[in-house]
Protein backbone atom coordinates (compact mmCIF):
# COMPACT_ATOMS: atom_id res chain seq x y z
CA UNK A 1 -9.48 -16.51 18.07
CA UNK A 2 -8.22 -13.31 19.82
CA UNK A 3 -5.81 -14.98 22.17
CA UNK A 4 -4.27 -17.11 19.50
CA UNK A 5 -3.81 -14.03 17.14
CA UNK A 6 -2.39 -11.92 19.98
CA UNK A 7 0.30 -14.66 20.61
CA UNK A 8 1.11 -14.90 16.91
CA UNK A 9 1.50 -11.04 16.55
CA UNK A 10 3.54 -10.89 19.81
CA UNK A 11 6.08 -13.31 18.08
CA UNK A 12 6.90 -10.48 15.53
CA UNK A 13 7.00 -7.80 18.26
CA UNK A 14 3.64 -6.41 17.58
CA UNK A 15 0.22 -5.93 19.27
CA UNK A 16 -3.06 -6.73 17.77
CA UNK A 17 -6.64 -5.61 18.48
CA UNK A 18 -10.14 -6.45 17.06
CA UNK A 19 -12.71 -3.89 16.18
CA UNK A 20 -16.31 -4.45 14.93
CA UNK A 21 -17.55 -2.03 12.29
CA UNK A 22 -20.66 -1.29 10.36
CA UNK A 23 -21.44 -2.64 6.96
CA UNK A 24 -21.08 0.68 5.21
CA UNK A 25 -19.00 3.87 5.61
CA UNK A 26 -19.11 7.37 4.12
CA UNK A 27 -16.40 8.96 2.04
CA UNK A 28 -17.14 12.30 0.64
CA UNK A 29 -20.54 12.04 -0.98
CA UNK A 30 -20.50 8.25 -1.54
CA UNK A 31 -21.39 5.28 0.65
CA UNK A 32 -19.04 2.50 0.52
CA UNK A 33 -19.42 -1.05 1.58
CA UNK A 34 -16.78 -2.27 4.00
CA UNK A 35 -15.16 -5.64 3.28
CA UNK A 36 -15.74 -8.62 5.74
CA UNK A 37 -12.23 -7.88 7.35
CA UNK A 38 -9.80 -5.05 6.93
CA UNK A 39 -6.54 -3.93 8.56
CA UNK A 40 -5.20 -0.63 10.02
CA UNK A 41 -2.10 0.41 11.87
CA UNK A 42 -2.98 2.70 14.69
CA UNK A 43 -0.94 4.29 17.66
CA UNK A 44 -1.56 4.71 21.22
CA UNK A 45 0.63 5.81 24.26
CA UNK A 46 2.31 2.40 24.02
CA UNK A 47 3.17 2.67 20.21
CA UNK A 48 1.92 1.16 17.08
CA UNK A 49 -0.39 -1.78 16.86
CA UNK A 50 -2.46 -3.66 14.29
CA UNK A 51 -6.27 -3.33 14.20
CA UNK A 52 -8.35 -5.99 12.56
CA UNK A 53 -11.75 -4.45 11.57
CA UNK A 54 -14.37 -7.17 11.38
CA UNK A 55 -17.76 -6.23 9.81
CA UNK A 56 -20.48 -6.84 12.50
CA UNK A 57 -23.07 -8.56 10.11
CA UNK A 58 -20.49 -11.34 9.28
CA UNK A 59 -18.51 -11.69 12.46
CA UNK A 60 -20.13 -15.04 13.26
CA UNK A 61 -19.10 -16.45 9.84
CA UNK A 62 -15.70 -15.03 9.66
CA UNK A 63 -12.57 -16.96 10.46
CA UNK A 64 -9.26 -15.13 10.95
CA UNK A 65 -5.98 -17.13 11.33
CA UNK A 66 -2.23 -16.85 10.72
CA UNK A 67 -0.78 -19.06 7.97
CA UNK A 68 2.87 -18.46 8.74
CA UNK A 69 4.77 -16.39 11.36
CA UNK A 70 8.58 -15.60 11.05
CA UNK A 71 9.68 -14.14 14.32
CA UNK A 72 13.21 -13.41 13.25
CA UNK A 73 12.01 -11.67 10.14
CA UNK A 74 9.13 -9.94 11.99
CA UNK A 75 6.56 -10.88 9.40
CA UNK A 76 3.50 -13.00 9.20
CA UNK A 77 0.71 -13.94 6.73
CA UNK A 78 -2.84 -13.49 7.86
CA UNK A 79 -5.85 -15.10 6.38
CA UNK A 80 -9.60 -13.86 6.76
CA UNK A 81 -12.15 -16.40 5.58
CA UNK A 82 -15.86 -15.80 5.28
CA UNK A 83 -17.70 -19.32 5.56
CA UNK A 84 -21.44 -19.86 4.97
CA UNK A 85 -23.61 -21.98 7.11
CA UNK A 86 -22.85 -24.98 5.06
CA UNK A 87 -19.12 -24.71 5.54
CA UNK A 88 -18.40 -23.21 2.03
CA UNK A 89 -15.70 -20.49 1.64
CA UNK A 90 -17.41 -17.38 0.44
CA UNK A 91 -14.36 -15.10 0.31
CA UNK A 92 -10.68 -15.14 1.25
CA UNK A 93 -8.41 -12.17 1.95
CA UNK A 94 -4.66 -12.56 2.54
CA UNK A 95 -2.43 -9.95 4.29
CA UNK A 96 1.21 -9.65 4.83
CA UNK A 97 1.86 -7.94 8.28
CA UNK A 98 5.34 -6.94 9.46
CA UNK A 99 8.05 -4.40 10.24
CA UNK A 100 9.90 -2.55 7.56
CA UNK A 101 12.81 -0.55 9.07
CA UNK A 102 11.15 1.67 11.64
CA UNK A 103 7.42 1.01 11.41
CA UNK A 104 4.81 -1.70 11.07
CA UNK A 105 2.90 -2.20 7.85
CA UNK A 106 0.22 -4.21 6.35
CA UNK A 107 -0.29 -5.23 2.59
CA UNK A 108 -3.14 -6.99 0.88
CA UNK A 109 -1.57 -9.69 -1.15
CA UNK A 110 -2.74 -12.58 -3.44
CA UNK A 111 -3.55 -16.23 -2.59
CA UNK A 112 -0.27 -17.03 -0.75
CA UNK A 113 0.51 -18.99 2.41
CA UNK A 114 4.02 -17.99 3.15
CA UNK A 115 5.96 -14.80 3.92
CA UNK A 116 8.44 -15.43 1.10
CA UNK A 117 5.67 -15.83 -1.55
CA UNK A 118 3.79 -12.68 -0.17
CA UNK A 119 6.90 -10.63 -0.60
CA UNK A 120 7.46 -11.89 -4.04
CA UNK A 121 3.82 -11.20 -5.01
CA UNK A 122 4.35 -7.41 -4.10
CA UNK A 123 7.13 -7.00 -6.74
CA UNK A 124 6.33 -5.38 -10.09
CA UNK A 125 6.69 -7.65 -13.18
CA UNK A 126 9.63 -5.40 -14.37
CA UNK A 127 11.49 -6.51 -11.26
CA UNK A 128 10.61 -10.25 -11.29
CA UNK A 129 11.68 -10.55 -15.04
CA UNK A 130 15.12 -9.40 -14.21
CA UNK A 131 15.74 -11.50 -11.04
CA UNK A 132 16.53 -14.79 -12.86
CA UNK A 133 19.64 -16.17 -11.48
CA UNK A 134 19.49 -14.13 -8.28
CA UNK A 135 19.58 -16.33 -5.15
CA UNK A 136 16.12 -16.35 -3.22
CA UNK A 137 17.79 -15.27 0.02
CA UNK A 138 18.90 -12.02 -1.68
CA UNK A 139 15.71 -11.14 -3.47
CA UNK A 140 13.96 -9.58 -0.59
CA UNK A 141 16.81 -7.25 0.48
CA UNK A 142 16.22 -3.54 0.04
CA UNK A 143 19.10 -3.37 -2.35
CA UNK A 144 20.01 -5.96 -5.13
CA UNK A 145 21.77 -5.86 -8.37
CA UNK A 146 18.36 -5.30 -9.94
CA UNK A 147 16.81 -2.63 -7.85
CA UNK A 148 16.80 -0.47 -4.72
CA UNK A 149 13.72 -0.26 -2.47
CA UNK A 150 12.32 2.33 -0.02
CA UNK A 151 9.03 1.27 1.52
CA UNK A 152 6.61 0.56 -1.19
CA UNK A 153 8.77 2.08 -3.90
CA UNK A 154 11.16 0.13 -6.26
CA UNK A 155 13.70 2.05 -8.10
CA UNK A 156 14.90 0.33 -11.29
CA UNK A 157 18.02 1.62 -13.28
CA UNK A 158 17.09 3.42 -16.44
CA UNK A 159 19.09 4.65 -19.38
CA UNK A 160 17.67 8.22 -19.54
CA UNK A 161 18.95 11.73 -20.46
CA UNK A 162 16.10 14.08 -19.85
CA UNK A 163 16.13 17.68 -20.85
CA UNK A 164 17.26 19.74 -17.78
CA UNK A 165 14.29 22.09 -18.34
CA UNK A 166 11.96 19.34 -17.30
CA UNK A 167 13.74 18.14 -14.23
CA UNK A 168 12.01 18.87 -11.05
CA UNK A 169 13.81 19.26 -7.54
CA UNK A 170 12.42 17.91 -4.25
CA UNK A 171 9.55 16.09 -5.99
CA UNK A 172 6.99 14.14 -3.79
CA UNK A 173 6.20 10.49 -4.62
CA UNK A 174 2.96 9.57 -3.06
CA UNK A 175 0.38 6.85 -3.35
CA UNK A 176 -2.47 9.16 -2.58
CA UNK A 177 -3.23 12.31 -0.74
CA UNK A 178 -3.57 10.53 2.59
CA UNK A 179 -0.06 8.92 2.49
CA UNK A 180 3.35 10.55 3.63
CA UNK A 181 5.29 11.59 0.60
CA UNK A 182 8.85 10.21 -0.20
CA UNK A 183 10.82 13.17 -1.51
CA UNK A 184 13.12 12.74 -4.61
CA UNK A 185 16.01 15.17 -5.01
CA UNK A 186 15.58 15.22 -8.74
CA UNK A 187 12.73 13.91 -10.76
CA UNK A 188 11.48 13.73 -14.36
CA UNK A 189 8.05 12.49 -15.49
CA UNK A 190 6.21 11.75 -18.71
CA UNK A 191 2.73 10.88 -19.59
CA UNK A 192 0.02 10.17 -16.94
CA UNK A 193 -3.63 11.16 -16.69
CA UNK A 194 -4.87 14.56 -15.47
CA UNK A 195 -7.02 14.19 -12.36
CA UNK A 196 -8.58 16.33 -9.62
CA UNK A 197 -7.62 15.22 -6.20
CA UNK A 198 -8.88 16.03 -2.60
CA UNK A 199 -9.01 14.38 0.76
CA UNK A 200 -12.44 12.74 0.06
CA UNK A 201 -11.27 11.44 -3.30
CA UNK A 202 -7.59 10.52 -2.73
CA UNK A 203 -7.25 8.41 -6.02
CA UNK A 204 -8.46 11.46 -8.03
CA UNK A 205 -11.31 12.01 -10.47
CA UNK A 206 -11.09 12.52 -14.30
CA UNK A 207 -12.42 15.73 -15.55
CA UNK A 208 -15.63 13.67 -16.74
CA UNK A 209 -16.03 12.12 -13.25
CA UNK A 210 -15.37 15.45 -11.57
CA UNK A 211 -18.04 17.18 -13.66
CA UNK A 212 -20.55 14.53 -12.95
CA UNK A 213 -20.03 14.70 -9.23
CA UNK A 214 -20.48 18.49 -9.34
CA UNK A 215 -23.75 18.12 -11.37
CA UNK A 216 -25.00 15.70 -8.71
CA UNK A 217 -23.74 17.36 -5.63
CA UNK A 218 -22.93 21.06 -6.30
CA UNK A 219 -21.51 21.39 -2.72
CA UNK A 220 -18.60 19.09 -3.85
CA UNK A 221 -17.04 21.96 -5.72
CA UNK A 222 -16.04 23.58 -2.33
CA UNK A 223 -13.79 20.64 -1.35
CA UNK A 224 -10.07 21.38 -1.52
CA UNK A 225 -9.30 20.03 -5.05
CA UNK A 226 -5.83 19.99 -6.58
CA UNK A 227 -4.85 19.29 -10.12
CA UNK A 228 -2.44 16.36 -10.27
CA UNK A 229 -1.16 13.61 -12.64
CA UNK A 230 -2.11 10.10 -12.03
CA UNK A 231 0.14 7.19 -12.88
CA UNK A 232 2.69 9.00 -14.93
CA UNK A 233 6.04 7.45 -15.71
CA UNK A 234 8.42 8.90 -13.04
CA UNK A 235 12.27 8.85 -12.95
CA UNK A 236 14.24 9.90 -10.02
CA UNK A 237 17.96 10.64 -9.14
CA UNK A 238 19.85 11.78 -6.10
CA UNK A 239 18.75 11.35 -2.52
CA UNK A 240 15.28 9.84 -1.86
CA UNK A 241 14.13 10.93 1.68
CA UNK A 242 11.30 9.76 3.98
CA UNK A 243 10.92 10.14 7.71
CA UNK A 244 10.17 6.41 8.38
CA UNK A 245 13.12 5.05 6.12
CA UNK A 246 16.78 5.40 5.65
CA UNK A 247 17.68 7.72 2.79
CA UNK A 248 18.30 6.15 -0.53
CA UNK A 249 20.98 7.60 -2.86
CA UNK A 250 20.72 7.11 -6.60
CA UNK A 251 23.73 8.06 -8.66
CA UNK A 252 22.01 7.54 -11.95
CA UNK A 253 18.41 7.76 -13.20
CA UNK A 254 16.02 5.24 -11.93
CA UNK A 255 12.42 4.51 -12.88
CA UNK A 256 9.94 4.53 -9.97
CA UNK A 257 7.84 1.39 -9.72
CA UNK A 258 5.02 1.00 -6.95
CA UNK A 259 4.62 -2.42 -5.27
CA UNK A 260 1.74 -4.54 -6.63
CA UNK A 261 -0.28 -4.59 -3.51
CA UNK A 262 -3.96 -5.87 -4.04
CA UNK A 263 -5.48 -2.53 -3.99
CA UNK A 264 -8.88 -3.06 -2.24
CA UNK A 265 -11.03 -2.04 0.68
CA UNK A 266 -9.47 -4.96 2.58
CA UNK A 267 -6.52 -2.68 3.67
CA UNK A 268 -7.53 0.68 5.00
CA UNK A 269 -6.02 2.65 2.32
CA UNK A 270 -6.77 3.68 -1.25
CA UNK A 271 -4.03 3.84 -3.80
CA UNK A 272 -3.01 5.70 -6.96
CA UNK A 273 0.41 6.86 -8.05
CA UNK A 274 -0.09 10.81 -7.89
CA UNK A 275 2.60 13.31 -8.90
């Protein structure tokens, strides 16, 4: 399995390594069960590489293969299947692995077998419904007549005239507290859920969840908590900056949409739209 995988990843200009992990892991005061397979992007003296983490207790029943590889596009679709002793498939996890501008990325996607289908599956419904009539070869560009994209963020034009009092400058857009922020020159938000966030709980806890945690584990109150808004409607304008991506300039207000990655433990990242 390993030599074949290394050759497939080499075709997109990437290295891949296999690591075997325990069945569970600790996060904060919780014990979480690892999925059969998960992916990380790590770095060493030679640069970035993909790491496939395989749970030790299922390693003999796990099959990892590449469904499609597009060398020119520098993307591939990876499938991890857990099979029981009778040959029945217990679980399937699909991943899109590739290079976006300056760095490698991995996204957990739905039941797709091609790179094109995987890319389409990451688009929010608001994008898909407006792409009717747009040629397929243009749909995965970072700029179309429907949207502009920077990494995992899509920017959709919006007819908006917010009160200047509520416009923020240099506002960070983050999936969670563990991800590198995209910085919007101007931003306006509405709605959302108030949550308390720290490194151990990057998706945030509601006030009720936070209170329950403190009652069960009093020491948790000493974690570095921040009050934030989760999944608010966010609109941006001006320059959108990020160290790993080319700057995007929006002359008018655009609604911010996050890609629809299958958020699960299969990709080593937890996700919430925090602001």
